[in-house]
């Protein structure tokens, strides 16, 4: 089965919740029409690079990448709307993991540019991102600095009108296919996270190298990248020197709820497939769906999805409507949605029995897709620390 996650769409019952407005319901309808009408095309999972490049172009032509940038630079709304991001990612994840990946990285890769780039940088990059004419990447993680950003060692030394970058980044999504990278490097204004700055680096900059392509259990474009005396114009600095960590965290706060939404898309697909299988699978003179154990499991799966969905859309609504910080809420949503989705998908696979682990089956594909979401943009253990830390702040 070349493309097992392409048909149908997730349930839309939650669009009746008060967190959503009419424009979100309209967007959901457009998404469903786009996916059901074959807008994603054939997705070759054996060629992740080519598939992602094609998906970016199709999502750009469909107008959906406009939700990744502000209206001033070709976007859909004055500010990036988290609820729209969540709806799009949930729908695309339900349809195909690579489609979700391609969309998400256009936003995450340029989120820092939207927040802190100069007008010139924004104008040069964001309209092309919205049209799918450029592919972006977010380069934060290092071999010895994943969750512990303060351990970052990639350096950026100011030399006249340039910064000279040296060091490595690893597990960089879209590494090897991106045209533009948001790169975080140590400029040394202060110890720890206060001495990190953010830069725009184009893939054709001398001294920028793809050191290694990385293969993972779910095929996505990933790479280790290296900077060898890579000279970047000072004008490519995002914000002020030393503001990189703050910019990175603001970017992740915007997009972390959408990670939860992607997990929901995977989980909803698993539940729908499990229900359909249970209704058709003959067992003991009846169907699997007639067995109390199966009904109990399906009930738990549905409840786990709704619980995660409520946390997710509450977080996005709090940011979009209340204009309040969402660091704690985003961590709660991301942790709960990804952990619950892992459990839901595992239960679906168990219900399929031996067929569930066969390569190319929907449950097997979902099982591989969900695993990384519990790690990237902050592992579950880090989300717990964030929640605890924010709780202690509020207690003071």
Protein backbone atom coordinates (compact mmCIF):
# COMPACT_ATOMS: atom_id res chain seq x y z
CA UNK A 1 0.00 0.00 0.00
CA UNK A 2 1.84 3.08 -1.27
CA UNK A 3 -0.16 5.71 0.58
CA UNK A 4 -2.28 4.26 3.39
CA UNK A 5 -3.36 7.55 4.99
CA UNK A 6 -5.12 9.42 2.22
CA UNK A 7 -8.86 8.89 2.41
CA UNK A 8 -11.60 10.47 4.49
CA UNK A 9 -11.22 13.03 7.24
CA UNK A 10 -11.48 13.44 11.00
CA UNK A 11 -14.76 13.97 12.83
CA UNK A 12 -15.85 17.59 13.02
CA UNK A 13 -18.03 17.41 16.15
CA UNK A 14 -15.57 19.54 18.09
CA UNK A 15 -16.09 22.46 15.70
CA UNK A 16 -19.32 23.13 17.61
CA UNK A 17 -17.31 23.88 20.74
CA UNK A 18 -17.24 27.59 21.69
CA UNK A 19 -13.49 27.75 21.09
CA UNK A 20 -14.01 27.95 17.33
CA UNK A 21 -15.45 30.73 15.14
CA UNK A 22 -17.21 30.59 11.79
CA UNK A 23 -13.97 31.14 9.86
CA UNK A 24 -12.57 27.97 11.44
CA UNK A 25 -15.59 25.94 10.38
CA UNK A 26 -15.21 27.33 6.86
CA UNK A 27 -11.51 26.39 6.89
CA UNK A 28 -12.36 22.84 7.98
CA UNK A 29 -14.75 22.50 5.05
CA UNK A 30 -12.12 23.76 2.61
CA UNK A 31 -9.59 21.32 4.01
CA UNK A 32 -11.96 18.38 3.75
CA UNK A 33 -12.78 19.30 0.15
CA UNK A 34 -9.09 19.69 -0.70
CA UNK A 35 -8.08 16.33 0.77
CA UNK A 36 -11.11 14.39 -0.45
CA UNK A 37 -10.67 15.86 -3.93
CA UNK A 38 -7.13 14.53 -4.20
CA UNK A 39 -5.38 17.83 -3.51
CA UNK A 40 -2.48 16.05 -1.83
CA UNK A 41 -1.95 13.88 -4.91
CA UNK A 42 0.03 10.66 -4.81
CA UNK A 43 2.50 10.70 -1.93
CA UNK A 44 5.51 8.44 -2.40
CA UNK A 45 6.71 7.54 1.09
CA UNK A 46 9.80 5.91 -0.41
CA UNK A 47 10.94 9.37 -1.56
CA UNK A 48 10.38 11.61 1.45
CA UNK A 49 12.42 14.47 -0.03
CA UNK A 50 10.50 14.57 -3.29
CA UNK A 51 7.18 14.01 -1.56
CA UNK A 52 7.70 16.92 0.85
CA UNK A 53 8.80 19.27 -1.92
CA UNK A 54 5.68 18.38 -3.89
CA UNK A 55 3.43 18.73 -0.85
CA UNK A 56 4.78 22.18 -0.06
CA UNK A 57 3.96 23.29 -3.60
CA UNK A 58 0.45 21.81 -3.43
CA UNK A 59 -0.31 23.26 0.00
CA UNK A 60 0.96 26.62 -1.21
CA UNK A 61 -1.18 26.49 -4.35
CA UNK A 62 -4.17 25.49 -2.21
CA UNK A 63 -3.71 28.58 -0.07
CA UNK A 64 -3.16 26.70 3.18
CA UNK A 65 0.42 27.87 3.75
CA UNK A 66 -0.95 31.40 4.06
CA UNK A 67 -1.89 30.40 7.61
CA UNK A 68 1.83 30.12 8.44
CA UNK A 69 2.67 33.82 7.95
CA UNK A 70 1.10 37.20 8.87
CA UNK A 71 -1.26 38.91 6.41
CA UNK A 72 1.18 41.76 5.80
CA UNK A 73 3.43 39.28 4.00
CA UNK A 74 0.87 37.22 2.13
CA UNK A 75 -0.71 35.45 5.08
CA UNK A 76 -4.34 34.79 5.93
CA UNK A 77 -4.67 36.80 9.15
CA UNK A 78 -2.96 39.77 10.78
CA UNK A 79 -1.34 37.37 13.24
CA UNK A 80 -0.74 33.64 13.01
CA UNK A 81 -3.89 31.95 14.33
CA UNK A 82 -3.17 28.90 16.47
CA UNK A 83 -6.63 27.41 16.06
CA UNK A 84 -6.25 27.45 12.28
CA UNK A 85 -2.85 25.78 12.57
CA UNK A 86 -4.39 23.10 14.77
CA UNK A 87 -7.26 22.41 12.38
CA UNK A 88 -4.95 22.14 9.40
CA UNK A 89 -2.45 19.87 11.15
CA UNK A 90 -5.15 17.61 12.57
CA UNK A 91 -6.72 17.20 9.13
CA UNK A 92 -3.43 16.61 7.32
CA UNK A 93 -2.15 14.20 9.97
CA UNK A 94 -5.37 12.21 9.63
CA UNK A 95 -4.74 12.03 5.89
CA UNK A 96 -0.97 11.54 5.75
CA UNK A 97 1.96 12.08 8.12
CA UNK A 98 4.20 13.63 5.45
CA UNK A 99 1.50 16.13 4.53
CA UNK A 100 1.33 17.28 8.13
CA UNK A 101 5.13 17.44 8.31
CA UNK A 102 5.39 19.54 5.15
CA UNK A 103 2.85 22.06 6.41
CA UNK A 104 4.18 22.26 9.96
CA UNK A 105 7.75 23.02 8.99
CA UNK A 106 6.74 25.95 6.82
CA UNK A 107 5.35 27.58 9.95
CA UNK A 108 7.89 26.47 12.52
CA UNK A 109 10.81 27.19 10.22
CA UNK A 110 9.78 30.81 9.74
CA UNK A 111 7.94 31.51 13.00
CA UNK A 112 10.95 33.32 14.42
CA UNK A 113 11.18 35.42 11.24
CA UNK A 114 7.53 36.42 11.58
CA UNK A 115 8.12 37.38 15.21
CA UNK A 116 11.50 39.12 15.05
CA UNK A 117 12.76 39.53 11.51
CA UNK A 118 13.49 42.90 9.99
CA UNK A 119 10.95 44.20 7.43
CA UNK A 120 13.46 43.40 4.67
CA UNK A 121 14.01 39.82 5.84
CA UNK A 122 10.28 39.26 6.22
CA UNK A 123 9.54 40.61 2.75
CA UNK A 124 12.27 38.50 1.17
CA UNK A 125 11.12 35.21 2.73
CA UNK A 126 7.57 35.10 4.06
CA UNK A 127 5.59 35.70 0.84
CA UNK A 128 7.50 32.85 -0.82
CA UNK A 129 6.85 30.59 2.16
CA UNK A 130 3.13 31.31 1.88
CA UNK A 131 3.16 30.37 -1.82
CA UNK A 132 5.23 27.23 -1.31
CA UNK A 133 8.11 28.68 -3.33
CA UNK A 134 10.63 28.33 -0.47
CA UNK A 135 11.07 25.52 2.05
CA UNK A 136 12.10 26.40 5.60
CA UNK A 137 13.77 24.71 8.57
CA UNK A 138 14.24 25.37 12.29
CA UNK A 139 17.77 24.58 13.52
CA UNK A 140 17.95 24.50 17.31
CA UNK A 141 18.93 20.98 18.43
CA UNK A 142 22.58 19.93 18.73
CA UNK A 143 24.28 16.60 19.46
CA UNK A 144 24.82 17.66 23.10
CA UNK A 145 22.01 20.21 23.38
CA UNK A 146 18.51 18.87 22.84
CA UNK A 147 16.19 19.60 25.74
CA UNK A 148 19.05 21.45 27.47
CA UNK A 149 19.29 24.43 25.13
CA UNK A 150 21.75 26.15 27.47
CA UNK A 151 24.33 23.52 26.49
CA UNK A 152 24.38 24.86 22.91
CA UNK A 153 27.91 25.17 21.50
CA UNK A 154 27.37 26.38 17.93
CA UNK A 155 28.95 29.83 17.90
CA UNK A 156 28.36 33.05 16.00
CA UNK A 157 31.21 35.56 16.22
CA UNK A 158 30.67 39.14 15.10
CA UNK A 159 33.23 40.28 12.53
CA UNK A 160 32.36 43.68 11.12
CA UNK A 161 29.09 43.49 9.20
CA UNK A 162 28.96 39.70 9.44
CA UNK A 163 28.58 36.87 11.92
CA UNK A 164 30.79 33.82 11.46
CA UNK A 165 29.03 30.58 12.43
CA UNK A 166 30.80 27.39 13.48
CA UNK A 167 29.31 24.20 14.89
CA UNK A 168 26.70 21.52 14.25
CA UNK A 169 22.96 20.98 14.49
CA UNK A 170 21.27 17.58 14.41
CA UNK A 171 17.80 16.11 13.77
CA UNK A 172 16.93 19.17 11.72
CA UNK A 173 13.59 18.68 9.98
CA UNK A 174 13.73 19.56 6.28
CA UNK A 175 17.52 19.37 6.54
CA UNK A 176 18.80 18.77 3.04
CA UNK A 177 15.75 20.14 1.21
CA UNK A 178 15.20 23.52 2.90
CA UNK A 179 16.11 26.76 1.16
CA UNK A 180 16.29 28.83 4.33
CA UNK A 181 17.13 27.91 7.93
CA UNK A 182 16.42 29.71 11.20
CA UNK A 183 19.61 28.95 13.13
CA UNK A 184 20.33 29.51 16.81
CA UNK A 185 23.93 30.06 17.90
CA UNK A 186 25.85 31.27 20.91
CA UNK A 187 26.95 34.91 20.68
CA UNK A 188 28.04 35.13 24.31
CA UNK A 189 26.29 38.21 25.64
CA UNK A 190 25.66 36.34 28.91
CA UNK A 191 25.96 32.79 30.29
CA UNK A 192 23.47 30.06 29.46
CA UNK A 193 20.39 30.78 27.41
CA UNK A 194 20.86 34.54 27.63
CA UNK A 195 23.86 34.37 25.29
CA UNK A 196 22.07 32.80 22.29
CA UNK A 197 21.01 34.64 19.14
CA UNK A 198 18.93 33.72 16.08
CA UNK A 199 19.89 34.07 12.42
CA UNK A 200 18.54 33.47 8.94
CA UNK A 201 20.91 31.26 6.94
CA UNK A 202 20.30 30.39 3.30
CA UNK A 203 21.20 26.87 2.17
CA UNK A 204 23.57 28.15 -0.51
CA UNK A 205 25.68 30.17 1.96
CA UNK A 206 29.39 29.19 1.76
CA UNK A 207 30.39 27.24 4.86
CA UNK A 208 26.93 25.67 5.28
CA UNK A 209 27.01 21.88 4.81
CA UNK A 210 24.66 18.92 5.02
CA UNK A 211 26.91 16.65 7.06
CA UNK A 212 24.60 13.63 7.23
CA UNK A 213 21.11 12.59 6.21
CA UNK A 214 19.25 10.86 9.04
CA UNK A 215 16.73 8.05 8.58
CA UNK A 216 14.05 7.50 11.23
CA UNK A 217 11.22 5.03 11.81
CA UNK A 218 8.81 7.34 9.96
CA UNK A 219 10.44 8.66 6.77
CA UNK A 220 10.88 12.44 6.98
CA UNK A 221 13.63 14.69 5.59
CA UNK A 222 16.10 15.03 8.47
CA UNK A 223 19.76 15.96 8.58
CA UNK A 224 22.80 16.88 10.61
CA UNK A 225 24.07 20.23 9.40
CA UNK A 226 27.48 21.82 9.90
CA UNK A 227 28.80 25.37 9.83
CA UNK A 228 32.45 25.89 8.89
CA UNK A 229 33.28 29.59 9.06
CA UNK A 230 29.84 30.26 7.59
CA UNK A 231 29.56 34.01 7.08
CA UNK A 232 26.10 35.49 7.54
CA UNK A 233 25.26 39.20 7.08
CA UNK A 234 24.56 41.00 10.35
CA UNK A 235 21.25 42.03 8.78
CA UNK A 236 20.19 38.36 9.04
CA UNK A 237 20.12 38.58 12.84
CA UNK A 238 16.60 38.10 14.20
CA UNK A 239 15.81 40.49 17.01
CA UNK A 240 18.67 41.66 19.19
CA UNK A 241 21.86 39.77 20.14
CA UNK A 242 21.15 37.47 23.05
CA UNK A 243 17.40 37.22 22.36
CA UNK A 244 17.59 33.90 20.52
CA UNK A 245 16.34 31.69 23.34
CA UNK A 246 13.38 33.96 24.01
CA UNK A 247 12.55 33.99 20.29
CA UNK A 248 12.82 30.19 20.09
CA UNK A 249 10.51 29.70 23.07
CA UNK A 250 7.94 32.18 21.71
CA UNK A 251 8.01 30.32 18.39
CA UNK A 252 7.55 26.95 20.07
CA UNK A 253 4.68 28.30 22.18
CA UNK A 254 2.85 29.26 18.98
CA UNK A 255 3.35 25.92 17.28
CA UNK A 256 3.38 23.47 20.21
CA UNK A 257 -0.43 23.28 20.37
CA UNK A 258 -0.37 22.26 16.70
CA UNK A 259 1.89 19.32 17.57
CA UNK A 260 -0.89 18.19 19.89
CA UNK A 261 -3.35 18.67 17.03
CA UNK A 262 -1.25 16.48 14.73
CA UNK A 263 -1.28 13.77 17.39
CA UNK A 264 -5.07 14.11 17.52
CA UNK A 265 -5.23 13.58 13.76
CA UNK A 266 -3.27 10.36 14.05
CA UNK A 267 -5.37 9.22 17.01
CA UNK A 268 -8.69 9.98 15.30
CA UNK A 269 -7.60 8.00 12.26
CA UNK A 270 -6.64 5.07 14.48
CA UNK A 271 -10.00 5.15 16.26
CA UNK A 272 -11.97 5.34 13.01
CA UNK A 273 -10.01 2.44 11.56
CA UNK A 274 -10.50 0.42 14.76
CA UNK A 275 -14.26 1.02 14.75
CA UNK A 276 -14.57 0.03 11.09
CA UNK A 277 -12.48 -3.08 11.69
CA UNK A 278 -14.43 -4.07 14.80
CA UNK A 279 -17.75 -3.80 12.95
CA UNK A 280 -16.57 -6.04 10.10
CA UNK A 281 -14.35 -8.59 11.89
CA UNK A 282 -16.20 -11.85 12.49
CA UNK A 283 -15.41 -13.49 15.82
CA UNK A 284 -17.11 -16.19 17.92
CA UNK A 285 -20.31 -16.11 15.90
CA UNK A 286 -20.63 -12.33 16.05
CA UNK A 287 -18.41 -9.35 15.28
CA UNK A 288 -15.56 -7.92 17.28
CA UNK A 289 -17.71 -4.84 17.92
CA UNK A 290 -20.25 -7.01 19.74
CA UNK A 291 -17.72 -8.03 22.38
CA UNK A 292 -17.85 -5.99 25.63
CA UNK A 293 -14.05 -5.89 25.82
CA UNK A 294 -13.83 -4.24 22.40
CA UNK A 295 -16.57 -1.76 23.24
CA UNK A 296 -14.82 -0.87 26.48
CA UNK A 297 -11.52 -0.28 24.70
CA UNK A 298 -13.12 1.85 22.00
CA UNK A 299 -14.85 3.90 24.70
CA UNK A 300 -11.55 4.57 26.44
CA UNK A 301 -9.94 5.51 23.14
CA UNK A 302 -12.67 8.02 22.32
CA UNK A 303 -12.47 9.56 25.78
CA UNK A 304 -8.68 9.90 25.61
CA UNK A 305 -9.02 11.73 22.28
CA UNK A 306 -11.69 14.14 23.51
CA UNK A 307 -9.72 14.92 26.67
CA UNK A 308 -6.65 15.78 24.63
CA UNK A 309 -8.70 17.74 22.12
CA UNK A 310 -10.20 19.92 24.85
CA UNK A 311 -6.76 20.76 26.21
CA UNK A 312 -5.46 21.50 22.72
CA UNK A 313 -8.19 23.84 21.52
CA UNK A 314 -8.38 25.54 24.94
CA UNK A 315 -4.69 26.37 24.60
CA UNK A 316 -5.01 27.73 21.07
CA UNK A 317 -8.11 29.76 22.03
CA UNK A 318 -6.34 31.20 25.06
CA UNK A 319 -3.55 32.46 22.81
CA UNK A 320 -5.73 33.67 19.93
CA UNK A 321 -8.62 35.22 21.85
CA UNK A 322 -7.44 35.97 25.37
CA UNK A 323 -3.93 36.97 24.23
CA UNK A 324 -2.51 35.29 27.33
CA UNK A 325 0.72 33.30 27.81
CA UNK A 326 0.27 29.61 27.02
CA UNK A 327 3.58 28.07 28.10
CA UNK A 328 1.96 25.84 30.73
CA UNK A 329 -1.19 25.13 28.71
CA UNK A 330 0.78 24.28 25.57
CA UNK A 331 2.95 21.86 27.53
CA UNK A 332 -0.14 20.20 29.00
CA UNK A 333 -1.75 19.87 25.57
CA UNK A 334 1.38 18.59 23.85
CA UNK A 335 2.12 16.04 26.58
CA UNK A 336 -1.45 14.75 26.89
CA UNK A 337 -2.24 14.60 23.18
CA UNK A 338 0.94 12.80 22.16
CA UNK A 339 0.87 10.33 25.06
CA UNK A 340 -2.84 9.62 24.58
CA UNK A 341 -2.39 9.22 20.83
CA UNK A 342 0.40 6.70 21.36
CA UNK A 343 -1.92 4.68 23.61
CA UNK A 344 -4.90 4.98 21.24
CA UNK A 345 -2.86 3.85 18.25
CA UNK A 346 -1.40 0.96 20.24
CA UNK A 347 -4.92 -0.17 21.17
CA UNK A 348 -6.04 0.07 17.55
CA UNK A 349 -3.08 -2.00 16.43
CA UNK A 350 -3.86 -4.59 19.12
CA UNK A 351 -7.44 -4.77 17.89
CA UNK A 352 -6.23 -5.50 14.36
CA UNK A 353 -4.14 -8.39 15.68
CA UNK A 354 -1.44 -9.80 13.42
CA UNK A 355 -2.63 -7.71 10.51
CA UNK A 356 -1.91 -4.57 12.52
CA UNK A 357 1.87 -5.01 12.47
CA UNK A 358 2.12 -5.75 8.78
CA UNK A 359 4.21 -3.14 6.96
CA UNK A 360 1.97 -0.80 5.00
CA UNK A 361 -1.12 -1.29 7.14
CA UNK A 362 -2.64 1.91 8.48
CA UNK A 363 -2.08 0.95 12.10
CA UNK A 364 1.57 0.10 11.47
CA UNK A 365 2.13 3.41 9.69
CA UNK A 366 0.41 5.37 12.44
CA UNK A 367 2.45 3.53 15.07
CA UNK A 368 5.66 4.74 13.46
CA UNK A 369 4.36 8.26 12.81
CA UNK A 370 3.25 8.98 16.38
CA UNK A 371 6.45 7.95 18.11
CA UNK A 372 8.52 11.00 17.23
CA UNK A 373 5.81 13.43 18.39
CA UNK A 374 6.44 12.38 21.99
CA UNK A 375 10.01 13.67 21.57
CA UNK A 376 10.29 16.58 19.16
CA UNK A 377 9.50 20.16 20.22
CA UNK A 378 10.13 19.04 23.78
CA UNK A 379 9.93 15.46 25.03
CA UNK A 380 7.15 14.45 27.41
CA UNK A 381 9.55 14.57 30.35
CA UNK A 382 10.46 18.18 29.47
CA UNK A 383 6.77 19.11 29.22
CA UNK A 384 6.31 17.86 32.78
CA UNK A 385 9.19 20.05 33.94
CA UNK A 386 7.70 23.07 32.15
CA UNK A 387 4.30 22.50 33.74
CA UNK A 388 5.86 22.12 37.19
CA UNK A 389 8.01 25.20 36.75
CA UNK A 390 5.08 27.33 35.62
CA UNK A 391 3.01 26.02 38.51
CA UNK A 392 5.67 27.12 40.97
CA UNK A 393 5.80 30.55 39.35
CA UNK A 394 2.07 31.02 39.77
CA UNK A 395 2.26 29.77 43.36
CA UNK A 396 4.60 32.63 44.21
